[in-house]
Each structure stands twice: as structure tokens, then as C-alpha cells.
Amino acid sequence: MGKTRNLNGTPGNLALSYLSTLGYYDGGYMADWLNFIAREKNIKKIEIDILNDKIEPKEAAITPLKSDLKKLRGILKKDLSNSGFEMDFIKKAVMEFEIPIDNLRIKNTVYCYPFIEDENGKIYKPKKRIIETAYEVDFNPIKKMKMKSERVENRRDFQC
């Protein structure tokens, strides 16, 4: 059996991996997608359950936000293994996001509170919240898709 103190950094690793620039999906990083869906659907809190592949509230359960959950489970499994534990030692792995949609001065900040809970009920979490900035303040994949399709249409108009 491993030492549980070695798991203290795992929730932060999961959140930072999820929010890193390697987490890119169809025109935006995860912070962009979180910020977009929160503002689009007027959602202040989003909870991502890594182990069960669930996102709450349901309106936030979009494909881009789910796209890296399998990768996060792999990171969790490797961290556990390196610390001497099996995957079933962890009963919960959650990232809670707060998006301050009511604050007009903060248009692109995402706060993450990740934690894992073991089979004994012990909770592991970072000492501080993780703060990420969406790269595009006015990220809008719907507008991007529309612009992209208009460019394709314009190209067709110029072909002989």
C-alpha cells in the first residue's frame, strides 16, 4: 500500500492538464469552452465528474468539455499507480468550475476547485484554487462556424 500524502498533488495535476493548451478542441481551449457555455446558458458553476464521464448541469454537457476526460482518467491511473494504489482506491474525481458571469470586469476568468476522494472518504485538493484565463474573451464557436461556411461559399462564388 502506498502513502496517501503522495496523492495531494493529483487533483491539481488533473485540473492543470485539462486546462492546458494541449486541451484544444475545434477552435478553442477548455477555458474558452467553459467560459462560452457558462455565458451562453447563464451557468455560474459547472461540475465535471472525471470517473463517471458526467457534466452538471446537463446544459453544459457538451462534447468539447467531455473530449479529454478519458485522458484525465489515464493521468489519474498513472498517478495512483506511481503512488502504489489501484484505480478503485479513488471513489470520486471531480473538477468544480466557477465562472463569474455576473462580473463585467472579469470576462474571461475560470476558477477551478478540483478534488479526489478515496475509499476511506479522505479528500485531496490543492491548497489554492486554480485560476485560468480563457484565451479568447469573446470566443463563439457558432459564429466561427458561420464565418467558416461563409468563406467556403465565397470561394465557390469565385470559381469558374
C-alpha atoms as a PDB file:
ATOM      1  CA  MET A   1       0.000   0.000   0.000  1.00  0.00           C
ATOM      2  CA  GLY A   2       1.315   3.426  -0.938  1.00  0.00           C
ATOM      3  CA  LYS A   3       1.422   6.642   1.020  1.00  0.00           C
ATOM      4  CA  THR A   4      -1.676   8.766   0.631  1.00  0.00           C
ATOM      5  CA  ARG A   5       0.219  12.031   1.037  1.00  0.00           C
ATOM      6  CA  ASN A   6       1.664  11.373  -2.420  1.00  0.00           C
ATOM      7  CA  LEU A   7      -1.847  11.928  -3.809  1.00  0.00           C
ATOM      8  CA  ASN A   8      -2.076  15.540  -2.632  1.00  0.00           C
ATOM      9  CA  GLY A   9      -0.875  16.895  -5.976  1.00  0.00           C
ATOM     10  CA  THR A  10      -3.106  14.686  -8.130  1.00  0.00           C
ATOM     11  CA  PRO A  11      -6.224  16.906  -8.256  1.00  0.00           C
ATOM     12  CA  GLY A  12      -4.126  19.915  -9.292  1.00  0.00           C
ATOM     13  CA  ASN A  13      -2.374  17.820 -11.943  1.00  0.00           C
ATOM     14  CA  LEU A  14      -5.735  16.768 -13.362  1.00  0.00           C
ATOM     15  CA  ALA A  15      -7.076  20.333 -13.500  1.00  0.00           C
ATOM     16  CA  LEU A  16      -3.901  21.797 -14.972  1.00  0.00           C
ATOM     17  CA  SER A  17      -3.784  19.042 -17.603  1.00  0.00           C
ATOM     18  CA  TYR A  18      -7.416  19.702 -18.512  1.00  0.00           C
ATOM     19  CA  LEU A  19      -6.920  23.455 -18.772  1.00  0.00           C
ATOM     20  CA  SER A  20      -3.534  23.364 -20.517  1.00  0.00           C
ATOM     21  CA  THR A  21      -3.029  24.488 -24.092  1.00  0.00           C
ATOM     22  CA  LEU A  22      -2.840  20.806 -25.052  1.00  0.00           C
ATOM     23  CA  GLY A  23      -6.579  20.635 -24.313  1.00  0.00           C
ATOM     24  CA  TYR A  24      -7.718  22.136 -27.616  1.00  0.00           C
ATOM     25  CA  TYR A  25     -10.965  21.186 -29.295  1.00  0.00           C
ATOM     26  CA  ASP A  26     -12.419  22.566 -32.526  1.00  0.00           C
ATOM     27  CA  GLY A  27     -11.208  26.147 -32.299  1.00  0.00           C
ATOM     28  CA  GLY A  28     -10.934  26.635 -28.551  1.00  0.00           C
ATOM     29  CA  TYR A  29      -9.151  25.647 -25.378  1.00  0.00           C
ATOM     30  CA  MET A  30     -11.103  24.189 -22.454  1.00  0.00           C
ATOM     31  CA  ALA A  31     -11.185  27.534 -20.625  1.00  0.00           C
ATOM     32  CA  ASP A  32     -12.688  29.096 -23.781  1.00  0.00           C
ATOM     33  CA  TRP A  33     -15.356  26.385 -23.939  1.00  0.00           C
ATOM     34  CA  LEU A  34     -16.154  26.651 -20.217  1.00  0.00           C
ATOM     35  CA  ASN A  35     -16.443  30.420 -20.438  1.00  0.00           C
ATOM     36  CA  PHE A  36     -18.553  30.213 -23.611  1.00  0.00           C
ATOM     37  CA  ILE A  37     -21.071  27.633 -22.375  1.00  0.00           C
ATOM     38  CA  ALA A  38     -21.400  29.357 -18.986  1.00  0.00           C
ATOM     39  CA  ARG A  39     -22.226  32.680 -20.612  1.00  0.00           C
ATOM     40  CA  GLU A  40     -24.359  31.155 -23.361  1.00  0.00           C
ATOM     41  CA  LYS A  41     -26.510  29.162 -20.901  1.00  0.00           C
ATOM     42  CA  ASN A  42     -26.196  31.546 -17.914  1.00  0.00           C
ATOM     43  CA  ILE A  43     -24.472  28.926 -15.736  1.00  0.00           C
ATOM     44  CA  LYS A  44     -22.233  30.041 -12.869  1.00  0.00           C
ATOM     45  CA  LYS A  45     -20.985  26.608 -11.771  1.00  0.00           C
ATOM     46  CA  ILE A  46     -20.034  23.559 -13.814  1.00  0.00           C
ATOM     47  CA  GLU A  47     -19.054  20.238 -12.249  1.00  0.00           C
ATOM     48  CA  ILE A  48     -17.097  17.657 -14.221  1.00  0.00           C
ATOM     49  CA  ASP A  49     -17.042  14.106 -12.842  1.00  0.00           C
ATOM     50  CA  ILE A  50     -13.940  12.509 -14.346  1.00  0.00           C
ATOM     51  CA  LEU A  51     -14.629   8.924 -13.257  1.00  0.00           C
ATOM     52  CA  ASN A  52     -18.254   8.795 -14.418  1.00  0.00           C
ATOM     53  CA  ASP A  53     -17.852  10.943 -17.552  1.00  0.00           C
ATOM     54  CA  LYS A  54     -20.594  13.345 -16.404  1.00  0.00           C
ATOM     55  CA  ILE A  55     -21.026  17.081 -16.518  1.00  0.00           C
ATOM     56  CA  GLU A  56     -23.558  19.005 -14.447  1.00  0.00           C
ATOM     57  CA  PRO A  57     -25.708  20.888 -15.182  1.00  0.00           C
ATOM     58  CA  LYS A  58     -26.850  18.949 -18.227  1.00  0.00           C
ATOM     59  CA  GLU A  59     -26.863  22.056 -20.454  1.00  0.00           C
ATOM     60  CA  ALA A  60     -23.090  22.252 -20.018  1.00  0.00           C
ATOM     61  CA  ALA A  61     -22.504  18.632 -21.068  1.00  0.00           C
ATOM     62  CA  ILE A  62     -21.122  19.461 -24.494  1.00  0.00           C
ATOM     63  CA  THR A  63     -18.702  17.321 -26.494  1.00  0.00           C
ATOM     64  CA  PRO A  64     -15.707  19.702 -26.219  1.00  0.00           C
ATOM     65  CA  LEU A  65     -15.821  19.584 -22.409  1.00  0.00           C
ATOM     66  CA  LYS A  66     -16.032  15.776 -22.433  1.00  0.00           C
ATOM     67  CA  SER A  67     -13.312  15.279 -25.040  1.00  0.00           C
ATOM     68  CA  ASP A  68     -10.352  14.983 -22.619  1.00  0.00           C
ATOM     69  CA  LEU A  69     -11.968  13.033 -19.778  1.00  0.00           C
ATOM     70  CA  LYS A  70     -10.517   9.710 -20.965  1.00  0.00           C
ATOM     71  CA  LYS A  71      -7.052  11.300 -20.970  1.00  0.00           C
ATOM     72  CA  LEU A  72      -7.638  12.554 -17.411  1.00  0.00           C
ATOM     73  CA  ARG A  73      -8.608   9.058 -16.257  1.00  0.00           C
ATOM     74  CA  GLY A  74      -5.303   7.842 -17.720  1.00  0.00           C
ATOM     75  CA  ILE A  75      -3.392  10.530 -15.820  1.00  0.00           C
ATOM     76  CA  LEU A  76      -5.243   9.607 -12.612  1.00  0.00           C
ATOM     77  CA  LYS A  77      -4.486   5.918 -13.111  1.00  0.00           C
ATOM     78  CA  LYS A  78      -0.789   6.640 -13.678  1.00  0.00           C
ATOM     79  CA  ASP A  79      -0.562   8.962 -10.629  1.00  0.00           C
ATOM     80  CA  LEU A  80      -2.246   6.315  -8.477  1.00  0.00           C
ATOM     81  CA  SER A  81      -0.001   3.568  -9.808  1.00  0.00           C
ATOM     82  CA  ASN A  82       3.130   5.669  -9.191  1.00  0.00           C
ATOM     83  CA  SER A  83       1.947   6.167  -5.611  1.00  0.00           C
ATOM     84  CA  GLY A  84       1.210   2.470  -5.074  1.00  0.00           C
ATOM     85  CA  PHE A  85      -2.586   2.459  -5.459  1.00  0.00           C
ATOM     86  CA  GLU A  86      -5.103   0.867  -7.791  1.00  0.00           C
ATOM     87  CA  MET A  87      -7.714   2.888  -9.652  1.00  0.00           C
ATOM     88  CA  ASP A  88     -10.533   1.581  -7.432  1.00  0.00           C
ATOM     89  CA  PHE A  89      -8.904   3.316  -4.426  1.00  0.00           C
ATOM     90  CA  ILE A  90     -10.434   6.580  -5.685  1.00  0.00           C
ATOM     91  CA  LYS A  91     -14.217   6.844  -5.452  1.00  0.00           C
ATOM     92  CA  LYS A  92     -14.577  10.422  -6.717  1.00  0.00           C
ATOM     93  CA  ALA A  93     -12.575  12.669  -9.024  1.00  0.00           C
ATOM     94  CA  VAL A  94     -14.296  15.987  -9.644  1.00  0.00           C
ATOM     95  CA  MET A  95     -13.435  19.411 -11.012  1.00  0.00           C
ATOM     96  CA  GLU A  96     -15.789  22.178  -9.934  1.00  0.00           C
ATOM     97  CA  PHE A  97     -15.630  25.310 -12.052  1.00  0.00           C
ATOM     98  CA  GLU A  98     -16.904  28.755 -11.145  1.00  0.00           C
ATOM     99  CA  ILE A  99     -17.332  31.261 -13.934  1.00  0.00           C
ATOM    100  CA  PRO A 100     -18.055  34.814 -12.736  1.00  0.00           C
ATOM    101  CA  ILE A 101     -20.594  35.646 -15.438  1.00  0.00           C
ATOM    102  CA  ASP A 102     -22.137  38.460 -13.376  1.00  0.00           C
ATOM    103  CA  ASN A 103     -18.890  40.389 -13.067  1.00  0.00           C
ATOM    104  CA  LEU A 104     -18.461  42.548 -16.168  1.00  0.00           C
ATOM    105  CA  ARG A 105     -14.839  43.346 -15.282  1.00  0.00           C
ATOM    106  CA  ILE A 106     -13.884  39.664 -15.372  1.00  0.00           C
ATOM    107  CA  LYS A 107     -14.978  38.391 -18.756  1.00  0.00           C
ATOM    108  CA  ASN A 108     -12.583  35.520 -19.262  1.00  0.00           C
ATOM    109  CA  THR A 109     -11.585  34.051 -15.895  1.00  0.00           C
ATOM    110  CA  VAL A 110     -12.385  30.490 -14.867  1.00  0.00           C
ATOM    111  CA  TYR A 111     -11.858  29.226 -11.311  1.00  0.00           C
ATOM    112  CA  CYS A 112     -11.307  25.504 -10.760  1.00  0.00           C
ATOM    113  CA  TYR A 113     -11.643  23.590  -7.486  1.00  0.00           C
ATOM    114  CA  PRO A 114     -10.521  20.014  -8.188  1.00  0.00           C
ATOM    115  CA  PHE A 115     -10.634  17.204  -5.646  1.00  0.00           C
ATOM    116  CA  ILE A 116     -10.427  13.453  -5.373  1.00  0.00           C
ATOM    117  CA  GLU A 117     -11.919  11.284  -2.650  1.00  0.00           C
ATOM    118  CA  ASP A 118     -10.529   7.905  -1.656  1.00  0.00           C
ATOM    119  CA  GLU A 119     -12.324   4.776  -0.453  1.00  0.00           C
ATOM    120  CA  ASN A 120     -11.914   5.920   3.154  1.00  0.00           C
ATOM    121  CA  GLY A 121     -13.627   9.252   2.496  1.00  0.00           C
ATOM    122  CA  LYS A 122     -10.417  11.281   2.636  1.00  0.00           C
ATOM    123  CA  ILE A 123     -10.490  14.277   0.294  1.00  0.00           C
ATOM    124  CA  TYR A 124      -7.396  15.518  -1.546  1.00  0.00           C
ATOM    125  CA  LYS A 125      -7.395  19.005  -3.027  1.00  0.00           C
ATOM    126  CA  PRO A 126      -4.910  21.760  -3.864  1.00  0.00           C
ATOM    127  CA  LYS A 127      -4.168  24.413  -1.253  1.00  0.00           C
ATOM    128  CA  LYS A 128      -5.411  27.126  -3.620  1.00  0.00           C
ATOM    129  CA  ARG A 129      -7.994  27.305  -6.355  1.00  0.00           C
ATOM    130  CA  ILE A 130      -6.706  27.069  -9.890  1.00  0.00           C
ATOM    131  CA  ILE A 131      -7.289  30.194 -11.938  1.00  0.00           C
ATOM    132  CA  GLU A 132      -7.287  30.012 -15.721  1.00  0.00           C
ATOM    133  CA  THR A 133      -7.915  32.680 -18.307  1.00  0.00           C
ATOM    134  CA  ALA A 134      -9.882  31.961 -21.433  1.00  0.00           C
ATOM    135  CA  TYR A 135      -7.678  32.830 -24.401  1.00  0.00           C
ATOM    136  CA  GLU A 136     -10.444  34.417 -26.437  1.00  0.00           C
ATOM    137  CA  VAL A 137     -12.666  36.743 -24.432  1.00  0.00           C
ATOM    138  CA  ASP A 138     -15.489  36.622 -26.967  1.00  0.00           C
ATOM    139  CA  PHE A 139     -14.981  33.007 -28.065  1.00  0.00           C
ATOM    140  CA  ASN A 140     -18.037  31.910 -30.007  1.00  0.00           C
ATOM    141  CA  PRO A 141     -17.806  28.630 -31.931  1.00  0.00           C
ATOM    142  CA  ILE A 142     -21.215  29.207 -33.522  1.00  0.00           C
ATOM    143  CA  LYS A 143     -20.049  32.496 -35.016  1.00  0.00           C
ATOM    144  CA  LYS A 144     -16.777  30.847 -36.129  1.00  0.00           C
ATOM    145  CA  MET A 145     -18.681  28.056 -37.881  1.00  0.00           C
ATOM    146  CA  LYS A 146     -20.881  30.609 -39.621  1.00  0.00           C
ATOM    147  CA  MET A 147     -17.851  32.628 -40.761  1.00  0.00           C
ATOM    148  CA  LYS A 148     -16.130  29.453 -41.949  1.00  0.00           C
ATOM    149  CA  SER A 149     -19.139  28.379 -44.018  1.00  0.00           C
ATOM    150  CA  GLU A 150     -19.421  31.896 -45.485  1.00  0.00           C
ATOM    151  CA  ARG A 151     -15.752  31.721 -46.582  1.00  0.00           C
ATOM    152  CA  VAL A 152     -16.431  28.396 -48.277  1.00  0.00           C
ATOM    153  CA  GLU A 153     -19.452  29.910 -50.038  1.00  0.00           C
ATOM    154  CA  ASN A 154     -17.383  32.918 -51.142  1.00  0.00           C
ATOM    155  CA  ARG A 155     -14.715  30.619 -52.598  1.00  0.00           C
ATOM    156  CA  ARG A 156     -17.359  28.814 -54.596  1.00  0.00           C
ATOM    157  CA  ASP A 157     -18.599  32.136 -55.974  1.00  0.00           C
ATOM    158  CA  PHE A 158     -15.134  32.932 -57.353  1.00  0.00           C
ATOM    159  CA  GLN A 159     -14.620  29.582 -59.042  1.00  0.00           C
ATOM    160  CA  CYS A 160     -15.252  29.438 -62.775  1.00  0.00           C
END
